[in-house]
C-alpha atoms as a PDB file:
ATOM      1  CA  MET A   1      -0.664  -4.959  24.773  1.00  0.00           C
ATOM      2  CA  PRO A   2      -1.705  -2.182  23.523  1.00  0.00           C
ATOM      3  CA  SER A   3      -5.252  -1.702  21.944  1.00  0.00           C
ATOM      4  CA  ALA A   4      -4.613  -0.588  18.524  1.00  0.00           C
ATOM      5  CA  CYS A   5      -7.586   2.207  19.604  1.00  0.00           C
ATOM      6  CA  GLU A   6      -4.518   3.391  22.157  1.00  0.00           C
ATOM      7  CA  THR A   7      -2.006   3.318  19.599  1.00  0.00           C
ATOM      8  CA  PHE A   8      -3.182   5.903  17.316  1.00  0.00           C
ATOM      9  CA  GLY A   9      -7.211   6.977  18.428  1.00  0.00           C
ATOM     10  CA  GLY A  10      -6.853  10.750  18.010  1.00  0.00           C
ATOM     11  CA  GLY A  11      -3.787  11.668  15.841  1.00  0.00           C
ATOM     12  CA  VAL A  12      -3.760  11.909  12.091  1.00  0.00           C
ATOM     13  CA  ALA A  13      -3.398   9.361   9.900  1.00  0.00           C
ATOM     14  CA  VAL A  14      -2.382  10.605   6.233  1.00  0.00           C
ATOM     15  CA  ILE A  15      -3.193   8.253   4.075  1.00  0.00           C
ATOM     16  CA  THR A  16      -2.325   7.776   0.212  1.00  0.00           C
ATOM     17  CA  GLY A  17      -4.484   6.206  -2.443  1.00  0.00           C
ATOM     18  CA  ALA A  18      -7.538   6.334   0.042  1.00  0.00           C
ATOM     19  CA  GLY A  19     -10.058   6.959  -2.204  1.00  0.00           C
ATOM     20  CA  ALA A  20     -11.046   3.578  -2.841  1.00  0.00           C
ATOM     21  CA  GLY A  21      -9.623  -0.202  -1.926  1.00  0.00           C
ATOM     22  CA  ILE A  22      -7.134  -1.380   0.731  1.00  0.00           C
ATOM     23  CA  GLY A  23      -6.370   2.872   0.799  1.00  0.00           C
ATOM     24  CA  ALA A  24     -10.301   3.649   1.628  1.00  0.00           C
ATOM     25  CA  GLY A  25      -9.940   0.508   3.791  1.00  0.00           C
ATOM     26  CA  LEU A  26      -7.455   1.800   5.832  1.00  0.00           C
ATOM     27  CA  ALA A  27      -9.659   5.339   6.847  1.00  0.00           C
ATOM     28  CA  ARG A  28     -12.683   4.319   7.894  1.00  0.00           C
ATOM     29  CA  TYR A  29     -10.861   1.703  10.528  1.00  0.00           C
ATOM     30  CA  ALA A  30      -8.702   4.783  10.827  1.00  0.00           C
ATOM     31  CA  HIS A  31     -11.837   6.370  11.115  1.00  0.00           C
ATOM     32  CA  ARG A  32     -13.087   4.738  13.486  1.00  0.00           C
ATOM     33  CA  ILE A  33     -10.686   4.325  16.035  1.00  0.00           C
ATOM     34  CA  GLY A  34     -10.805   7.938  17.000  1.00  0.00           C
ATOM     35  CA  MET A  35      -7.739   8.989  14.545  1.00  0.00           C
ATOM     36  CA  THR A  36      -8.185  12.084  11.620  1.00  0.00           C
ATOM     37  CA  PRO A  37      -7.843  10.750   8.137  1.00  0.00           C
ATOM     38  CA  VAL A  38      -6.897  12.738   5.547  1.00  0.00           C
ATOM     39  CA  LEU A  39      -7.612  11.028   2.090  1.00  0.00           C
ATOM     40  CA  VAL A  40      -5.103  11.790   0.109  1.00  0.00           C
ATOM     41  CA  ASP A  41      -5.796  10.441  -3.810  1.00  0.00           C
ATOM     42  CA  ILE A  42      -6.429  12.175  -7.897  1.00  0.00           C
ATOM     43  CA  ASP A  43      -9.792  10.876  -7.258  1.00  0.00           C
ATOM     44  CA  ALA A  44     -10.993  14.193  -6.126  1.00  0.00           C
ATOM     45  CA  PRO A  45     -14.512  12.685  -5.988  1.00  0.00           C
ATOM     46  CA  ALA A  46     -13.133   9.648  -4.408  1.00  0.00           C
ATOM     47  CA  VAL A  47     -11.620  11.222  -1.986  1.00  0.00           C
ATOM     48  CA  THR A  48     -14.527  13.353  -1.215  1.00  0.00           C
ATOM     49  CA  ALA A  49     -17.490  10.911  -1.372  1.00  0.00           C
ATOM     50  CA  LEU A  50     -15.209   8.851   1.458  1.00  0.00           C
ATOM     51  CA  ARG A  51     -14.667  12.561   3.771  1.00  0.00           C
ATOM     52  CA  ASP A  52     -18.920  12.990   3.711  1.00  0.00           C
ATOM     53  CA  GLU A  53     -19.331   9.261   4.711  1.00  0.00           C
ATOM     54  CA  LEU A  54     -17.077  10.082   7.281  1.00  0.00           C
ATOM     55  CA  THR A  55     -17.545  13.080   8.874  1.00  0.00           C
ATOM     56  CA  ALA A  56     -21.880  12.660   8.701  1.00  0.00           C
ATOM     57  CA  THR A  57     -21.095   9.556  11.856  1.00  0.00           C
ATOM     58  CA  GLY A  58     -18.814  12.393  13.284  1.00  0.00           C
ATOM     59  CA  GLY A  59     -15.090  13.168  13.869  1.00  0.00           C
ATOM     60  CA  ALA A  60     -12.935  15.212  11.945  1.00  0.00           C
ATOM     61  CA  ALA A  61     -11.569  13.878   8.453  1.00  0.00           C
ATOM     62  CA  HIS A  62     -10.204  15.624   5.510  1.00  0.00           C
ATOM     63  CA  ALA A  63     -10.263  15.017   1.484  1.00  0.00           C
ATOM     64  CA  GLU A  64      -6.637  16.100  -0.117  1.00  0.00           C
ATOM     65  CA  THR A  65      -6.536  15.692  -4.105  1.00  0.00           C
ATOM     66  CA  CYS A  66      -2.721  14.622  -5.105  1.00  0.00           C
ATOM     67  CA  ASP A  67      -0.502  12.944  -7.192  1.00  0.00           C
ATOM     68  CA  VAL A  68       2.117  11.106  -5.395  1.00  0.00           C
ATOM     69  CA  ARG A  69       3.727  11.691  -8.701  1.00  0.00           C
ATOM     70  CA  ASP A  70       4.259  14.942  -7.602  1.00  0.00           C
ATOM     71  CA  ALA A  71       8.031  15.867  -5.280  1.00  0.00           C
ATOM     72  CA  GLU A  72       6.754  19.023  -5.036  1.00  0.00           C
ATOM     73  CA  ALA A  73       3.242  19.028  -4.530  1.00  0.00           C
ATOM     74  CA  MET A  74       3.919  16.343  -1.834  1.00  0.00           C
ATOM     75  CA  VAL A  75       5.809  18.715   0.366  1.00  0.00           C
ATOM     76  CA  ALA A  76       3.774  21.051  -0.118  1.00  0.00           C
ATOM     77  CA  LEU A  77       0.756  19.001   1.435  1.00  0.00           C
ATOM     78  CA  ALA A  78       2.755  17.791   3.879  1.00  0.00           C
ATOM     79  CA  GLU A  79       3.222  21.223   4.926  1.00  0.00           C
ATOM     80  CA  ARG A  80      -0.498  22.385   4.933  1.00  0.00           C
ATOM     81  CA  VAL A  81      -1.245  19.317   7.303  1.00  0.00           C
ATOM     82  CA  HIS A  82       2.155  20.131   9.584  1.00  0.00           C
ATOM     83  CA  ARG A  83       0.349  23.835  10.186  1.00  0.00           C
ATOM     84  CA  ASP A  84      -3.608  22.728   9.669  1.00  0.00           C
ATOM     85  CA  LEU A  85      -3.817  19.678  11.356  1.00  0.00           C
ATOM     86  CA  GLY A  86      -0.662  19.405  13.378  1.00  0.00           C
ATOM     87  CA  PRO A  87       2.226  16.144  13.868  1.00  0.00           C
ATOM     88  CA  VAL A  88       1.177  13.095  11.595  1.00  0.00           C
ATOM     89  CA  ARG A  89       0.481  10.120  13.618  1.00  0.00           C
ATOM     90  CA  LEU A  90       0.231   8.144  10.922  1.00  0.00           C
ATOM     91  CA  LEU A  91       1.750   8.410   7.136  1.00  0.00           C
ATOM     92  CA  VAL A  92       0.721   5.195   4.622  1.00  0.00           C
ATOM     93  CA  ASN A  93       2.383   5.255   1.465  1.00  0.00           C
ATOM     94  CA  ASN A  94      -0.458   3.333  -0.068  1.00  0.00           C
ATOM     95  CA  ALA A  95      -1.219   4.038  -3.407  1.00  0.00           C
ATOM     96  CA  GLY A  96      -1.093   1.871  -6.023  1.00  0.00           C
ATOM     97  CA  VAL A  97      -1.450   0.761  -9.537  1.00  0.00           C
ATOM     98  CA  GLU A  98      -1.255  -2.829 -11.831  1.00  0.00           C
ATOM     99  CA  GLN A  99      -0.027  -4.240 -15.437  1.00  0.00           C
ATOM    100  CA  PHE A 100      -1.200  -6.749 -17.027  1.00  0.00           C
ATOM    101  CA  GLY A 101       0.659  -8.105 -19.863  1.00  0.00           C
ATOM    102  CA  TYR A 102       3.869  -9.819 -21.602  1.00  0.00           C
ATOM    103  CA  LEU A 103       7.000  -7.688 -20.034  1.00  0.00           C
ATOM    104  CA  TRP A 104       8.033  -7.207 -23.824  1.00  0.00           C
ATOM    105  CA  ASP A 105       4.830  -5.780 -24.583  1.00  0.00           C
ATOM    106  CA  THR A 106       3.645  -3.125 -21.674  1.00  0.00           C
ATOM    107  CA  PRO A 107       3.593   0.057 -23.188  1.00  0.00           C
ATOM    108  CA  VAL A 108       6.769   2.590 -21.755  1.00  0.00           C
ATOM    109  CA  ALA A 109       4.791   5.072 -20.538  1.00  0.00           C
ATOM    110  CA  ASN A 110       2.694   2.312 -18.581  1.00  0.00           C
ATOM    111  CA  TRP A 111       5.765   0.857 -16.810  1.00  0.00           C
ATOM    112  CA  ASN A 112       6.413   4.510 -16.427  1.00  0.00           C
ATOM    113  CA  ARG A 113       3.348   5.004 -14.752  1.00  0.00           C
ATOM    114  CA  VAL A 114       3.895   1.974 -12.317  1.00  0.00           C
ATOM    115  CA  LEU A 115       7.442   2.276 -10.833  1.00  0.00           C
ATOM    116  CA  ASP A 116       6.255   6.472 -10.819  1.00  0.00           C
ATOM    117  CA  ILE A 117       3.302   6.246  -8.696  1.00  0.00           C
ATOM    118  CA  ASN A 118       3.724   2.345  -6.821  1.00  0.00           C
ATOM    119  CA  VAL A 119       7.777   3.186  -5.995  1.00  0.00           C
ATOM    120  CA  SER A 120       8.380   7.014  -6.711  1.00  0.00           C
ATOM    121  CA  GLY A 121       5.001   7.590  -4.826  1.00  0.00           C
ATOM    122  CA  VAL A 122       5.964   5.664  -1.669  1.00  0.00           C
ATOM    123  CA  PHE A 123       9.977   8.194  -2.110  1.00  0.00           C
ATOM    124  CA  HIS A 124       8.213  11.332  -2.744  1.00  0.00           C
ATOM    125  CA  GLY A 125       5.787  11.119   0.727  1.00  0.00           C
ATOM    126  CA  ILE A 126       8.533   9.801   2.604  1.00  0.00           C
ATOM    127  CA  ARG A 127      10.033  12.364   1.703  1.00  0.00           C
ATOM    128  CA  ALA A 128       7.714  15.105   2.573  1.00  0.00           C
ATOM    129  CA  PHE A 129       6.759  14.371   5.356  1.00  0.00           C
ATOM    130  CA  ALA A 130       9.368  11.867   7.407  1.00  0.00           C
ATOM    131  CA  PRO A 131      12.019  14.921   8.503  1.00  0.00           C
ATOM    132  CA  GLN A 132       8.724  16.583  10.230  1.00  0.00           C
ATOM    133  CA  MET A 133       7.736  13.536  11.962  1.00  0.00           C
ATOM    134  CA  PHE A 134      11.576  12.897  13.214  1.00  0.00           C
ATOM    135  CA  ALA A 135      11.613  16.561  14.438  1.00  0.00           C
ATOM    136  CA  GLN A 136       7.597  16.421  16.000  1.00  0.00           C
ATOM    137  CA  GLY A 137       9.808  14.119  18.764  1.00  0.00           C
ATOM    138  CA  SER A 138       6.098  11.925  19.473  1.00  0.00           C
ATOM    139  CA  PRO A 139       5.598   8.986  18.553  1.00  0.00           C
ATOM    140  CA  ALA A 140       4.741   8.169  14.782  1.00  0.00           C
ATOM    141  CA  TRP A 141       4.049   5.215  11.856  1.00  0.00           C
ATOM    142  CA  ILE A 142       5.217   4.401   8.565  1.00  0.00           C
ATOM    143  CA  TRP A 143       3.663   1.834   6.411  1.00  0.00           C
ATOM    144  CA  ASN A 144       4.823   1.351   3.123  1.00  0.00           C
ATOM    145  CA  LEU A 145       2.042  -0.367   1.539  1.00  0.00           C
ATOM    146  CA  SER A 146       4.300  -3.831  -0.772  1.00  0.00           C
ATOM    147  CA  SER A 147       1.917  -7.026  -1.416  1.00  0.00           C
ATOM    148  CA  ILE A 148       1.665 -10.536  -1.467  1.00  0.00           C
ATOM    149  CA  GLY A 149       3.527  -9.804  -4.366  1.00  0.00           C
ATOM    150  CA  GLY A 150       6.420  -8.244  -2.863  1.00  0.00           C
ATOM    151  CA  VAL A 151       8.201 -11.924  -2.331  1.00  0.00           C
ATOM    152  CA  ALA A 152       6.138 -13.698  -5.555  1.00  0.00           C
ATOM    153  CA  ALA A 153       7.614 -14.158  -9.206  1.00  0.00           C
ATOM    154  CA  VAL A 154       4.653 -13.782 -11.462  1.00  0.00           C
ATOM    155  CA  PRO A 155       4.150 -13.864 -14.423  1.00  0.00           C
ATOM    156  CA  LEU A 156       1.836 -11.132 -16.891  1.00  0.00           C
ATOM    157  CA  GLN A 157       2.050  -8.837 -13.873  1.00  0.00           C
ATOM    158  CA  ALA A 158       6.196  -7.739 -14.234  1.00  0.00           C
ATOM    159  CA  PRO A 159       5.507  -4.192 -13.256  1.00  0.00           C
ATOM    160  CA  TYR A 160       3.355  -4.384 -10.347  1.00  0.00           C
ATOM    161  CA  ILE A 161       5.855  -7.543  -8.483  1.00  0.00           C
ATOM    162  CA  ILE A 162       8.942  -5.367  -9.333  1.00  0.00           C
ATOM    163  CA  SER A 163       7.587  -2.510  -7.789  1.00  0.00           C
ATOM    164  CA  LYS A 164       5.994  -4.049  -4.798  1.00  0.00           C
ATOM    165  CA  HIS A 165       9.738  -6.147  -4.277  1.00  0.00           C
ATOM    166  CA  ALA A 166      10.781  -3.101  -4.661  1.00  0.00           C
ATOM    167  CA  VAL A 167       8.964  -0.979  -2.003  1.00  0.00           C
ATOM    168  CA  LEU A 168       9.722  -4.279  -0.133  1.00  0.00           C
ATOM    169  CA  ALA A 169      13.359  -3.654   0.161  1.00  0.00           C
ATOM    170  CA  LEU A 170      13.115  -0.157  -0.048  1.00  0.00           C
ATOM    171  CA  THR A 171      10.638  -0.253   3.824  1.00  0.00           C
ATOM    172  CA  GLU A 172      13.268  -2.631   5.479  1.00  0.00           C
ATOM    173  CA  CYS A 173      16.899  -0.553   4.489  1.00  0.00           C
ATOM    174  CA  LEU A 174      14.055   2.653   5.934  1.00  0.00           C
ATOM    175  CA  ARG A 175      13.522   0.860   8.627  1.00  0.00           C
ATOM    176  CA  LEU A 176      17.483   0.462   9.514  1.00  0.00           C
ATOM    177  CA  GLU A 177      17.973   4.093   8.214  1.00  0.00           C
ATOM    178  CA  VAL A 178      15.935   5.287  10.941  1.00  0.00           C
ATOM    179  CA  GLN A 179      17.382   3.644  13.329  1.00  0.00           C
ATOM    180  CA  LEU A 180      20.435   4.408  12.562  1.00  0.00           C
ATOM    181  CA  ALA A 181      20.068   8.168  12.746  1.00  0.00           C
ATOM    182  CA  GLY A 182      18.678   7.800  15.822  1.00  0.00           C
ATOM    183  CA  HIS A 183      14.424   8.764  15.440  1.00  0.00           C
ATOM    184  CA  ASP A 184      13.473   6.001  17.848  1.00  0.00           C
ATOM    185  CA  HIS A 185      10.161   7.265  18.430  1.00  0.00           C
ATOM    186  CA  VAL A 186       9.707   6.869  14.862  1.00  0.00           C
ATOM    187  CA  ARG A 187       8.340   3.134  14.082  1.00  0.00           C
ATOM    188  CA  VAL A 188       8.606   1.822  10.266  1.00  0.00           C
ATOM    189  CA  GLN A 189       6.570  -1.094   9.010  1.00  0.00           C
ATOM    190  CA  ALA A 190       5.957  -2.645   5.575  1.00  0.00           C
ATOM    191  CA  VAL A 191       2.297  -4.129   4.927  1.00  0.00           C
ATOM    192  CA  LEU A 192       2.161  -7.068   2.683  1.00  0.00           C
ATOM    193  CA  PRO A 193      -1.624  -7.355   1.894  1.00  0.00           C
ATOM    194  CA  GLY A 194      -2.860 -10.583   0.246  1.00  0.00           C
ATOM    195  CA  ALA A 195      -5.983 -11.006  -1.831  1.00  0.00           C
ATOM    196  CA  VAL A 196      -8.079  -7.375  -1.252  1.00  0.00           C
ATOM    197  CA  LYS A 197     -11.239  -5.930  -2.807  1.00  0.00           C
ATOM    198  CA  SER A 198     -10.708  -3.292  -4.382  1.00  0.00           C
ATOM    199  CA  ASN A 199     -10.842  -1.997  -8.304  1.00  0.00           C
ATOM    200  CA  ILE A 200      -7.420  -2.415  -9.274  1.00  0.00           C
ATOM    201  CA  PHE A 201      -7.540  -4.875 -11.301  1.00  0.00           C
ATOM    202  CA  GLU A 202     -10.520  -3.379 -13.498  1.00  0.00           C
ATOM    203  CA  ALA A 203      -8.366  -0.191 -13.560  1.00  0.00           C
ATOM    204  CA  ALA A 204      -4.875  -1.734 -14.405  1.00  0.00           C
ATOM    205  CA  GLY A 205      -2.944  -0.992 -17.694  1.00  0.00           C
ATOM    206  CA  GLY A 206      -2.699  -3.519 -20.222  1.00  0.00           C
ATOM    207  CA  VAL A 207      -1.065  -3.753 -23.709  1.00  0.00           C
ATOM    208  CA  GLU A 208      -1.893  -2.602 -27.179  1.00  0.00           C
ATOM    209  CA  ASP A 209      -3.105  -3.944 -30.155  1.00  0.00           C
ATOM    210  CA  ARG A 210       0.023  -5.382 -31.571  1.00  0.00           C
ATOM    211  CA  ALA A 211       0.686  -7.719 -28.769  1.00  0.00           C
ATOM    212  CA  ASP A 212       0.033 -10.158 -27.202  1.00  0.00           C
ATOM    213  CA  VAL A 213      -4.049  -8.931 -26.212  1.00  0.00           C
ATOM    214  CA  ALA A 214      -5.244 -12.498 -25.140  1.00  0.00           C
ATOM    215  CA  ALA A 215      -2.668 -12.878 -22.713  1.00  0.00           C
ATOM    216  CA  ALA A 216      -2.724  -9.343 -21.051  1.00  0.00           C
ATOM    217  CA  GLU A 217      -6.728  -9.830 -20.233  1.00  0.00           C
ATOM    218  CA  SER A 218      -7.101 -13.355 -19.479  1.00  0.00           C
ATOM    219  CA  GLN A 219      -4.289 -12.339 -16.637  1.00  0.00           C
ATOM    220  CA  ARG A 220      -6.923  -8.858 -15.890  1.00  0.00           C
ATOM    221  CA  ALA A 221      -9.692 -12.161 -15.418  1.00  0.00           C
ATOM    222  CA  ALA A 222      -7.692 -14.864 -13.092  1.00  0.00           C
ATOM    223  CA  MET A 223      -7.437 -12.074 -10.905  1.00  0.00           C
ATOM    224  CA  LEU A 224     -11.255 -11.135 -10.825  1.00  0.00           C
ATOM    225  CA  ASP A 225     -11.829 -14.361 -10.243  1.00  0.00           C
ATOM    226  CA  ILE A 226      -9.205 -13.503  -7.325  1.00  0.00           C
ATOM    227  CA  LYS A 227     -11.638 -10.443  -5.960  1.00  0.00           C
ATOM    228  CA  ALA A 228     -14.615 -12.491  -5.681  1.00  0.00           C
ATOM    229  CA  GLY A 229     -12.854 -14.285  -2.479  1.00  0.00           C
ATOM    230  CA  ALA A 230     -10.856 -11.385  -1.736  1.00  0.00           C
ATOM    231  CA  MET A 231     -10.919 -10.000   1.611  1.00  0.00           C
ATOM    232  CA  ASP A 232     -12.932  -6.719   2.924  1.00  0.00           C
ATOM    233  CA  PRO A 233     -10.468  -3.823   3.369  1.00  0.00           C
ATOM    234  CA  GLU A 234     -11.643  -2.524   6.414  1.00  0.00           C
ATOM    235  CA  GLU A 235     -11.685  -6.029   7.682  1.00  0.00           C
ATOM    236  CA  ALA A 236      -7.595  -6.315   6.213  1.00  0.00           C
ATOM    237  CA  ALA A 237      -7.044  -2.712   7.829  1.00  0.00           C
ATOM    238  CA  ALA A 238      -8.254  -3.691  11.775  1.00  0.00           C
ATOM    239  CA  VAL A 239      -5.550  -6.694  11.576  1.00  0.00           C
ATOM    240  CA  VAL A 240      -2.932  -4.360   9.941  1.00  0.00           C
ATOM    241  CA  PHE A 241      -3.507  -1.421  12.832  1.00  0.00           C
ATOM    242  CA  ASP A 242      -3.738  -4.545  15.357  1.00  0.00           C
ATOM    243  CA  GLN A 243      -0.297  -6.496  14.471  1.00  0.00           C
ATOM    244  CA  SER A 244       1.290  -2.690  14.221  1.00  0.00           C
ATOM    245  CA  ALA A 245      -0.063  -1.453  17.696  1.00  0.00           C
ATOM    246  CA  ARG A 246       1.544  -5.203  18.115  1.00  0.00           C
ATOM    247  CA  GLY A 247       4.928  -3.930  17.282  1.00  0.00           C
ATOM    248  CA  GLU A 248       5.519  -6.004  13.973  1.00  0.00           C
ATOM    249  CA  PHE A 249       7.715  -5.130  11.295  1.00  0.00           C
ATOM    250  CA  TYR A 250       5.487  -7.407   8.861  1.00  0.00           C
ATOM    251  CA  LEU A 251       1.993  -6.581   8.599  1.00  0.00           C
ATOM    252  CA  LEU A 252       0.433  -9.206   7.000  1.00  0.00           C
ATOM    253  CA  THR A 253      -3.397  -8.713   5.976  1.00  0.00           C
ATOM    254  CA  GLN A 254      -3.681 -12.703   5.953  1.00  0.00           C
ATOM    255  CA  PRO A 255      -0.663 -13.716   8.126  1.00  0.00           C
ATOM    256  CA  GLU A 256      -1.658 -17.730   7.227  1.00  0.00           C
ATOM    257  CA  TYR A 257      -1.729 -16.699   3.340  1.00  0.00           C
ATOM    258  CA  VAL A 258       0.643 -14.728   3.212  1.00  0.00           C
ATOM    259  CA  GLY A 259       2.440 -16.127   5.452  1.00  0.00           C
ATOM    260  CA  SER A 260       3.361 -19.026   3.433  1.00  0.00           C
ATOM    261  CA  ALA A 261       4.028 -17.027   0.466  1.00  0.00           C
ATOM    262  CA  MET A 262       7.176 -15.439   2.609  1.00  0.00           C
ATOM    263  CA  ALA A 263       8.543 -19.153   3.525  1.00  0.00           C
ATOM    264  CA  GLU A 264       8.171 -20.786  -0.132  1.00  0.00           C
ATOM    265  CA  ARG A 265      10.452 -17.254  -1.549  1.00  0.00           C
ATOM    266  CA  ALA A 266      12.901 -17.677   1.134  1.00  0.00           C
ATOM    267  CA  GLN A 267      13.028 -21.691   0.569  1.00  0.00           C
ATOM    268  CA  VAL A 268      13.096 -20.797  -2.950  1.00  0.00           C
ATOM    269  CA  LEU A 269      16.645 -18.497  -1.958  1.00  0.00           C
ATOM    270  CA  THR A 270      18.174 -20.521   0.244  1.00  0.00           C
ATOM    271  CA  SER A 271      17.498 -23.568  -2.203  1.00  0.00           C
ATOM    272  CA  ARG A 272      18.222 -21.747  -5.432  1.00  0.00           C
ATOM    273  CA  VAL A 273      15.512 -23.446  -7.393  1.00  0.00           C
ATOM    274  CA  PRO A 274      14.795 -21.285 -10.286  1.00  0.00           C
ATOM    275  CA  PRO A 275      11.080 -19.537 -10.535  1.00  0.00           C
ATOM    276  CA  ALA A 276       8.639 -22.022 -11.843  1.00  0.00           C
ATOM    277  CA  LEU A 277       5.240 -21.394 -14.027  1.00  0.00           C
ATOM    278  CA  ARG A 278       2.068 -22.500 -11.213  1.00  0.00           C
ATOM    279  CA  THR A 279      -0.478 -24.604 -12.968  1.00  0.00           C
ATOM    280  CA  GLU A 280      -2.831 -21.920 -12.222  1.00  0.00           C
ATOM    281  CA  ARG A 281      -0.600 -18.582 -13.231  1.00  0.00           C
ATOM    282  CA  ARG A 282      -1.482 -16.631 -10.738  1.00  0.00           C
ATOM    283  CA  PHE A 283      -1.384 -16.284  -6.546  1.00  0.00           C
ATOM    284  CA  ASP A 284      -4.429 -18.129  -4.527  1.00  0.00           C
ATOM    285  CA  PRO A 285      -5.735 -18.100  -1.438  1.00  0.00           C
ATOM    286  CA  THR A 286      -7.128 -21.095  -1.060  1.00  0.00           C
ATOM    287  CA  LYS A 287      -3.824 -23.042  -2.320  1.00  0.00           C
ATOM    288  CA  HIS A 288      -1.552 -20.948   0.717  1.00  0.00           C
END
């Protein structure tokens, strides 16, 4: 079985949301195994600092400031990368944001932000990069970041959970469409991280003063408690790269933890049991 280094080393990896969290972990690991990461984020200082960190140890890395919500900016990015760096071996549609609070309290702008970044951002990445990856003829991979939340029902995080269910379905459909179109050299894979250290909870949207702010902030606090024991992003990246190199479709940062949530989801659907509140109201890796 080929290793991650043998499979991906020497190629170009485009990673959105690379400024922090699992995106930065994937970028660091990609660079470590000999890839040239293209660090894409709306946060220019973050990707510039990461580029400088990576290139200080040797090898190449490139920082690109781009908003994944901007379809044409993503097309322009794909054209630049292809022109200046050559074929893309790995596209990682990772950029994502969170939202806390009751669904009826969620500001419309926050709802649109989550769906535009978490779902449309994935679509824009595929639309921009996939045609070139099909045309280049060499082996290539597309990873879309869903989440353990993509196989769960969680209160007070509905926009995020909805978005991750959507990304999982999008990725499953994309895999079938790529096969149907005969692009067998491009592998499509779904990444489902469990608890991985990031700043997504601190940066998450909340609700307005007229709404139930306490409920929203209690969920933020609960998720920050989970963050304290979460997996290191680069360790998570190593697991994902290894699973991808083995040809798996569902790439799980914590196979037992995320896998148990997948099994639970399957049981809920087959038994047609309605969703029930958990005592802790959140996913806790120590309880899965």
